[in-house]
C-alpha atoms as a PDB file:
ATOM      1  CA  MET A   1     106.491   8.820-152.385  1.00  0.00           C
ATOM      2  CA  ASP A   2     109.284   8.658-149.647  1.00  0.00           C
ATOM      3  CA  ASN A   3     112.609   9.311-150.254  1.00  0.00           C
ATOM      4  CA  ILE A   4     113.823   5.442-150.453  1.00  0.00           C
ATOM      5  CA  GLN A   5     111.168   4.428-152.718  1.00  0.00           C
ATOM      6  CA  ALA A   6     112.160   7.758-154.866  1.00  0.00           C
ATOM      7  CA  ILE A   7     115.655   6.889-154.606  1.00  0.00           C
ATOM      8  CA  MET A   8     115.351   3.091-155.748  1.00  0.00           C
ATOM      9  CA  ALA A   9     113.118   4.270-158.438  1.00  0.00           C
ATOM     10  CA  GLU A  10     115.607   5.993-159.768  1.00  0.00           C
ATOM     11  CA  ILE A  11     117.754   3.494-159.443  1.00  0.00           C
ATOM     12  CA  GLY A  12     115.268   1.212-161.176  1.00  0.00           C
ATOM     13  CA  THR A  13     114.772   3.318-164.428  1.00  0.00           C
ATOM     14  CA  VAL A  14     118.882   3.183-164.500  1.00  0.00           C
ATOM     15  CA  LEU A  15     119.498  -0.386-164.331  1.00  0.00           C
ATOM     16  CA  ASN A  16     116.301  -1.273-166.786  1.00  0.00           C
ATOM     17  CA  LYS A  17     118.504   0.417-169.376  1.00  0.00           C
ATOM     18  CA  VAL A  18     121.827  -1.196-168.545  1.00  0.00           C
ATOM     19  CA  ARG A  19     123.120  -3.574-171.928  1.00  0.00           C
ATOM     20  CA  LYS A  20     122.413  -7.329-169.890  1.00  0.00           C
ATOM     21  CA  LYS A  21     124.772  -8.419-172.478  1.00  0.00           C
ATOM     22  CA  ASP A  22     127.601  -6.311-171.318  1.00  0.00           C
ATOM     23  CA  ILE A  23     127.506  -7.916-167.467  1.00  0.00           C
ATOM     24  CA  ALA A  24     127.850 -10.601-168.992  1.00  0.00           C
ATOM     25  CA  GLU A  25     130.419 -10.375-171.752  1.00  0.00           C
ATOM     26  CA  THR A  26     132.465  -8.315-168.866  1.00  0.00           C
ATOM     27  CA  ALA A  27     132.248 -11.555-166.579  1.00  0.00           C
ATOM     28  CA  GLU A  28     133.169 -13.950-169.376  1.00  0.00           C
ATOM     29  CA  SER A  29     136.493 -11.203-169.867  1.00  0.00           C
ATOM     30  CA  LEU A  30     137.212 -10.839-166.357  1.00  0.00           C
ATOM     31  CA  ALA A  31     136.890 -15.133-166.098  1.00  0.00           C
ATOM     32  CA  LYS A  32     139.419 -14.937-168.760  1.00  0.00           C
ATOM     33  CA  GLY A  33     141.993 -12.823-167.488  1.00  0.00           C
ATOM     34  CA  LYS A  34     145.040 -12.759-166.084  1.00  0.00           C
ATOM     35  CA  ARG A  35     144.781 -10.240-163.074  1.00  0.00           C
ATOM     36  CA  ILE A  36     141.911  -7.508-162.527  1.00  0.00           C
ATOM     37  CA  PHE A  37     143.033  -4.087-161.633  1.00  0.00           C
ATOM     38  CA  VAL A  38     140.214  -1.275-160.473  1.00  0.00           C
ATOM     39  CA  VAL A  39     140.568   2.420-160.220  1.00  0.00           C
ATOM     40  CA  GLY A  40     138.023   5.316-159.777  1.00  0.00           C
ATOM     41  CA  GLU A  41     137.847   8.138-157.801  1.00  0.00           C
ATOM     42  CA  GLY A  42     136.026   9.871-154.905  1.00  0.00           C
ATOM     43  CA  ARG A  43     132.681   7.652-154.435  1.00  0.00           C
ATOM     44  CA  SER A  44     133.328   5.888-158.028  1.00  0.00           C
ATOM     45  CA  GLY A  45     136.539   4.615-156.573  1.00  0.00           C
ATOM     46  CA  LEU A  46     135.081   2.797-153.393  1.00  0.00           C
ATOM     47  CA  MET A  47     132.862   1.046-155.487  1.00  0.00           C
ATOM     48  CA  ALA A  48     135.399  -0.043-157.722  1.00  0.00           C
ATOM     49  CA  LYS A  49     137.374  -1.245-154.533  1.00  0.00           C
ATOM     50  CA  SER A  50     134.440  -3.481-153.491  1.00  0.00           C
ATOM     51  CA  PHE A  51     133.625  -4.790-156.277  1.00  0.00           C
ATOM     52  CA  ALA A  52     137.586  -5.739-156.410  1.00  0.00           C
ATOM     53  CA  MET A  53     137.455  -7.009-152.780  1.00  0.00           C
ATOM     54  CA  ARG A  54     134.101  -9.259-153.955  1.00  0.00           C
ATOM     55  CA  MET A  55     136.392 -10.670-156.194  1.00  0.00           C
ATOM     56  CA  MET A  56     139.168 -11.105-154.506  1.00  0.00           C
ATOM     57  CA  HIS A  57     136.536 -13.731-152.617  1.00  0.00           C
ATOM     58  CA  LEU A  58     135.588 -14.924-155.563  1.00  0.00           C
ATOM     59  CA  GLY A  59     138.999 -16.225-156.194  1.00  0.00           C
ATOM     60  CA  ALA A  60     140.188 -13.690-158.623  1.00  0.00           C
ATOM     61  CA  THR A  61     143.143 -11.769-158.109  1.00  0.00           C
ATOM     62  CA  ALA A  62     142.449  -8.332-157.831  1.00  0.00           C
ATOM     63  CA  TYR A  63     143.925  -5.092-157.211  1.00  0.00           C
ATOM     64  CA  ALA A  64     143.168  -1.359-156.685  1.00  0.00           C
ATOM     65  CA  VAL A  65     145.230   0.539-158.052  1.00  0.00           C
ATOM     66  CA  GLY A  66     147.207   3.367-156.001  1.00  0.00           C
ATOM     67  CA  GLU A  67     147.098   0.991-152.859  1.00  0.00           C
ATOM     68  CA  THR A  68     150.749   0.461-151.175  1.00  0.00           C
ATOM     69  CA  ILE A  69     150.666  -3.899-152.110  1.00  0.00           C
ATOM     70  CA  THR A  70     149.267  -2.624-155.883  1.00  0.00           C
ATOM     71  CA  PRO A  71     151.839  -4.761-158.777  1.00  0.00           C
ATOM     72  CA  SER A  72     152.593  -3.422-161.348  1.00  0.00           C
ATOM     73  CA  MET A  73     150.117  -4.317-164.656  1.00  0.00           C
ATOM     74  CA  SER A  74     151.294  -6.522-167.695  1.00  0.00           C
ATOM     75  CA  ALA A  75     149.965  -7.614-170.876  1.00  0.00           C
ATOM     76  CA  GLY A  76     146.320  -9.601-170.034  1.00  0.00           C
ATOM     77  CA  ASP A  77     145.315  -7.849-167.255  1.00  0.00           C
ATOM     78  CA  LEU A  78     142.254  -6.491-167.124  1.00  0.00           C
ATOM     79  CA  LEU A  79     141.412  -3.203-165.845  1.00  0.00           C
ATOM     80  CA  VAL A  80     137.997  -1.823-164.532  1.00  0.00           C
ATOM     81  CA  ALA A  81     138.007   1.836-165.073  1.00  0.00           C
ATOM     82  CA  VAL A  82     134.853   3.709-163.328  1.00  0.00           C
ATOM     83  CA  SER A  83     134.307   7.239-163.940  1.00  0.00           C
ATOM     84  CA  GLY A  84     130.747   8.955-164.329  1.00  0.00           C
ATOM     85  CA  SER A  85     131.713  11.695-166.607  1.00  0.00           C
ATOM     86  CA  GLY A  86     134.171   9.371-168.590  1.00  0.00           C
ATOM     87  CA  THR A  87     136.411  12.205-168.047  1.00  0.00           C
ATOM     88  CA  THR A  88     138.083  11.713-164.378  1.00  0.00           C
ATOM     89  CA  LYS A  89     141.546  13.187-165.451  1.00  0.00           C
ATOM     90  CA  ASN A  90     143.351  10.474-163.447  1.00  0.00           C
ATOM     91  CA  VAL A  91     140.559   7.117-164.499  1.00  0.00           C
ATOM     92  CA  VAL A  92     141.418   8.274-167.471  1.00  0.00           C
ATOM     93  CA  TRP A  93     145.378   8.336-167.442  1.00  0.00           C
ATOM     94  CA  ILE A  94     145.715   5.104-165.605  1.00  0.00           C
ATOM     95  CA  ALA A  95     143.157   3.801-168.782  1.00  0.00           C
ATOM     96  CA  GLU A  96     145.166   5.168-171.429  1.00  0.00           C
ATOM     97  CA  LYS A  97     148.531   3.953-169.736  1.00  0.00           C
ATOM     98  CA  ALA A  98     147.312   0.292-169.167  1.00  0.00           C
ATOM     99  CA  ARG A  99     146.160   0.477-173.285  1.00  0.00           C
ATOM    100  CA  GLU A 100     149.567   0.830-173.664  1.00  0.00           C
ATOM    101  CA  LEU A 101     150.743  -2.342-171.687  1.00  0.00           C
ATOM    102  CA  GLY A 102     148.640  -4.422-173.306  1.00  0.00           C
ATOM    103  CA  CYS A 103     145.591  -4.481-170.753  1.00  0.00           C
ATOM    104  CA  THR A 104     142.309  -5.031-171.278  1.00  0.00           C
ATOM    105  CA  VAL A 105     139.985  -1.747-170.489  1.00  0.00           C
ATOM    106  CA  ILE A 106     136.879  -2.014-169.343  1.00  0.00           C
ATOM    107  CA  GLY A 107     135.385   1.507-168.935  1.00  0.00           C
ATOM    108  CA  MET A 108     132.560   2.067-167.252  1.00  0.00           C
ATOM    109  CA  THR A 109     130.587   5.294-167.431  1.00  0.00           C
ATOM    110  CA  THR A 110     127.830   7.354-168.202  1.00  0.00           C
ATOM    111  CA  ASP A 111     129.252   8.650-171.271  1.00  0.00           C
ATOM    112  CA  GLU A 112     130.547   5.885-174.457  1.00  0.00           C
ATOM    113  CA  GLN A 113     132.066   8.868-176.372  1.00  0.00           C
ATOM    114  CA  SER A 114     133.933  10.362-173.331  1.00  0.00           C
ATOM    115  CA  LEU A 115     137.409   9.937-172.720  1.00  0.00           C
ATOM    116  CA  LEU A 116     137.312   6.726-170.512  1.00  0.00           C
ATOM    117  CA  GLY A 117     134.915   5.368-173.191  1.00  0.00           C
ATOM    118  CA  ARG A 118     136.759   5.624-176.295  1.00  0.00           C
ATOM    119  CA  CYS A 119     140.098   4.844-174.429  1.00  0.00           C
ATOM    120  CA  ALA A 120     138.303   1.427-173.483  1.00  0.00           C
ATOM    121  CA  SER A 121     138.764  -1.699-174.930  1.00  0.00           C
ATOM    122  CA  LYS A 122     135.101  -2.204-173.885  1.00  0.00           C
ATOM    123  CA  THR A 123     132.090   0.305-172.426  1.00  0.00           C
ATOM    124  CA  VAL A 124     129.312  -0.821-170.044  1.00  0.00           C
ATOM    125  CA  LEU A 125     127.011   2.330-169.884  1.00  0.00           C
ATOM    126  CA  ILE A 126     125.207   2.977-166.622  1.00  0.00           C
ATOM    127  CA  PRO A 127     122.655   5.881-167.798  1.00  0.00           C
ATOM    128  CA  ALA A 128     122.517   7.718-164.679  1.00  0.00           C
ATOM    129  CA  ALA A 129     122.779  11.067-163.559  1.00  0.00           C
ATOM    130  CA  THR A 130     125.870  12.576-163.062  1.00  0.00           C
ATOM    131  CA  LYS A 131     127.316  15.842-160.675  1.00  0.00           C
ATOM    132  CA  TYR A 132     127.333  17.806-164.166  1.00  0.00           C
ATOM    133  CA  ARG A 133     123.366  16.783-164.892  1.00  0.00           C
ATOM    134  CA  ARG A 134     124.372  16.970-168.213  1.00  0.00           C
ATOM    135  CA  GLU A 135     121.918  17.179-171.215  1.00  0.00           C
ATOM    136  CA  GLY A 136     120.535  13.594-171.638  1.00  0.00           C
ATOM    137  CA  GLU A 137     121.414  12.554-168.328  1.00  0.00           C
ATOM    138  CA  ALA A 138     118.882  10.549-166.253  1.00  0.00           C
ATOM    139  CA  ALA A 139     116.402  13.275-164.163  1.00  0.00           C
ATOM    140  CA  SER A 140     117.720  12.512-159.887  1.00  0.00           C
ATOM    141  CA  ILE A 141     116.697  14.143-156.688  1.00  0.00           C
ATOM    142  CA  GLN A 142     119.909  12.802-154.938  1.00  0.00           C
ATOM    143  CA  PRO A 143     122.954  15.002-154.996  1.00  0.00           C
ATOM    144  CA  LEU A 144     126.258  15.080-157.039  1.00  0.00           C
ATOM    145  CA  GLY A 145     127.163  11.669-158.614  1.00  0.00           C
ATOM    146  CA  SER A 146     124.891   9.129-155.951  1.00  0.00           C
ATOM    147  CA  LEU A 147     122.585   7.714-158.573  1.00  0.00           C
ATOM    148  CA  PHE A 148     125.417   6.635-160.901  1.00  0.00           C
ATOM    149  CA  ASP A 149     127.593   5.077-157.923  1.00  0.00           C
ATOM    150  CA  GLN A 150     124.087   3.226-156.653  1.00  0.00           C
ATOM    151  CA  CYS A 151     123.741   2.186-160.047  1.00  0.00           C
ATOM    152  CA  ILE A 152     127.760   1.403-160.355  1.00  0.00           C
ATOM    153  CA  HIS A 153     127.408  -0.669-157.284  1.00  0.00           C
ATOM    154  CA  ILE A 154     124.406  -3.045-157.964  1.00  0.00           C
ATOM    155  CA  VAL A 155     126.179  -3.570-161.856  1.00  0.00           C
ATOM    156  CA  LEU A 156     128.924  -4.416-160.091  1.00  0.00           C
ATOM    157  CA  ASP A 157     127.564  -7.400-158.118  1.00  0.00           C
ATOM    158  CA  ALA A 158     126.144  -8.075-161.101  1.00  0.00           C
ATOM    159  CA  ILE A 159     128.792  -9.181-162.823  1.00  0.00           C
ATOM    160  CA  CYS A 160     130.256 -10.913-159.860  1.00  0.00           C
ATOM    161  CA  LEU A 161     127.082 -13.063-159.779  1.00  0.00           C
ATOM    162  CA  GLU A 162     127.590 -13.886-163.369  1.00  0.00           C
ATOM    163  CA  TYR A 163     131.588 -14.387-162.319  1.00  0.00           C
ATOM    164  CA  ALA A 164     130.634 -16.884-159.951  1.00  0.00           C
ATOM    165  CA  ASP A 165     128.547 -18.910-161.904  1.00  0.00           C
ATOM    166  CA  ILE A 166     131.108 -19.154-164.620  1.00  0.00           C
ATOM    167  CA  ARG A 167     134.074 -20.387-161.871  1.00  0.00           C
ATOM    168  CA  GLU A 168     131.264 -22.433-160.146  1.00  0.00           C
ATOM    169  CA  VAL A 169     132.172 -20.555-156.995  1.00  0.00           C
ATOM    170  CA  ASP A 170     129.338 -20.483-154.254  1.00  0.00           C
ATOM    171  CA  ASN A 171     128.705 -19.055-151.050  1.00  0.00           C
ATOM    172  CA  SER A 172     130.397 -21.738-148.794  1.00  0.00           C
ATOM    173  CA  LYS A 173     133.940 -21.344-151.302  1.00  0.00           C
ATOM    174  CA  ALA A 174     133.679 -17.534-151.155  1.00  0.00           C
ATOM    175  CA  PHE A 175     133.241 -17.436-147.081  1.00  0.00           C
ATOM    176  CA  ARG A 176     136.428 -19.025-147.448  1.00  0.00           C
ATOM    177  CA  GLN A 177     138.441 -16.160-148.746  1.00  0.00           C
ATOM    178  CA  HIS A 178     136.451 -13.819-146.311  1.00  0.00           C
ATOM    179  CA  SER A 179     138.570 -12.182-143.577  1.00  0.00           C
ATOM    180  CA  ASN A 180     139.022 -13.976-140.721  1.00  0.00           C
ATOM    181  CA  VAL A 181     140.539 -11.911-138.507  1.00  0.00           C
ATOM    182  CA  GLU A 182     137.843  -9.365-138.153  1.00  0.00           C
END
């Protein structure tokens, strides 16, 4: 099997274990929420930011925590917190702070019992390998958290599709939100 086939097989194995109801419930929560904030570090943070961008294309008010134009959070907002291990200090701290502010926290992690998992209002389990290769994690030929990052990207895109269906946003509506100065 070549590397592309091997990576695709790993992704398929993980995604087949993701609870489909979590995707639908997350999209419903996001559609009912006021504003959407995302947080993550490293590659996971890049996946979170790509999700915020796509949610903006779908008409949501979405922000990435830490950006200069990100406003303060308040009750009724939602935070999508992404951490493979569920122990990334900054992600956990922001999730805890968001809960104190009255926000709904959706944790995206490989470990529901992690600090992030326990802090989250709802956890979406992505049973992929992380950089720690802990007991019980999926096997992976890929370095570090690549498998988690690939799978979280696809899961977040699936949430976007559900959200678009709920909000009745098709490609032409989304395209109107896409940058026109590139």
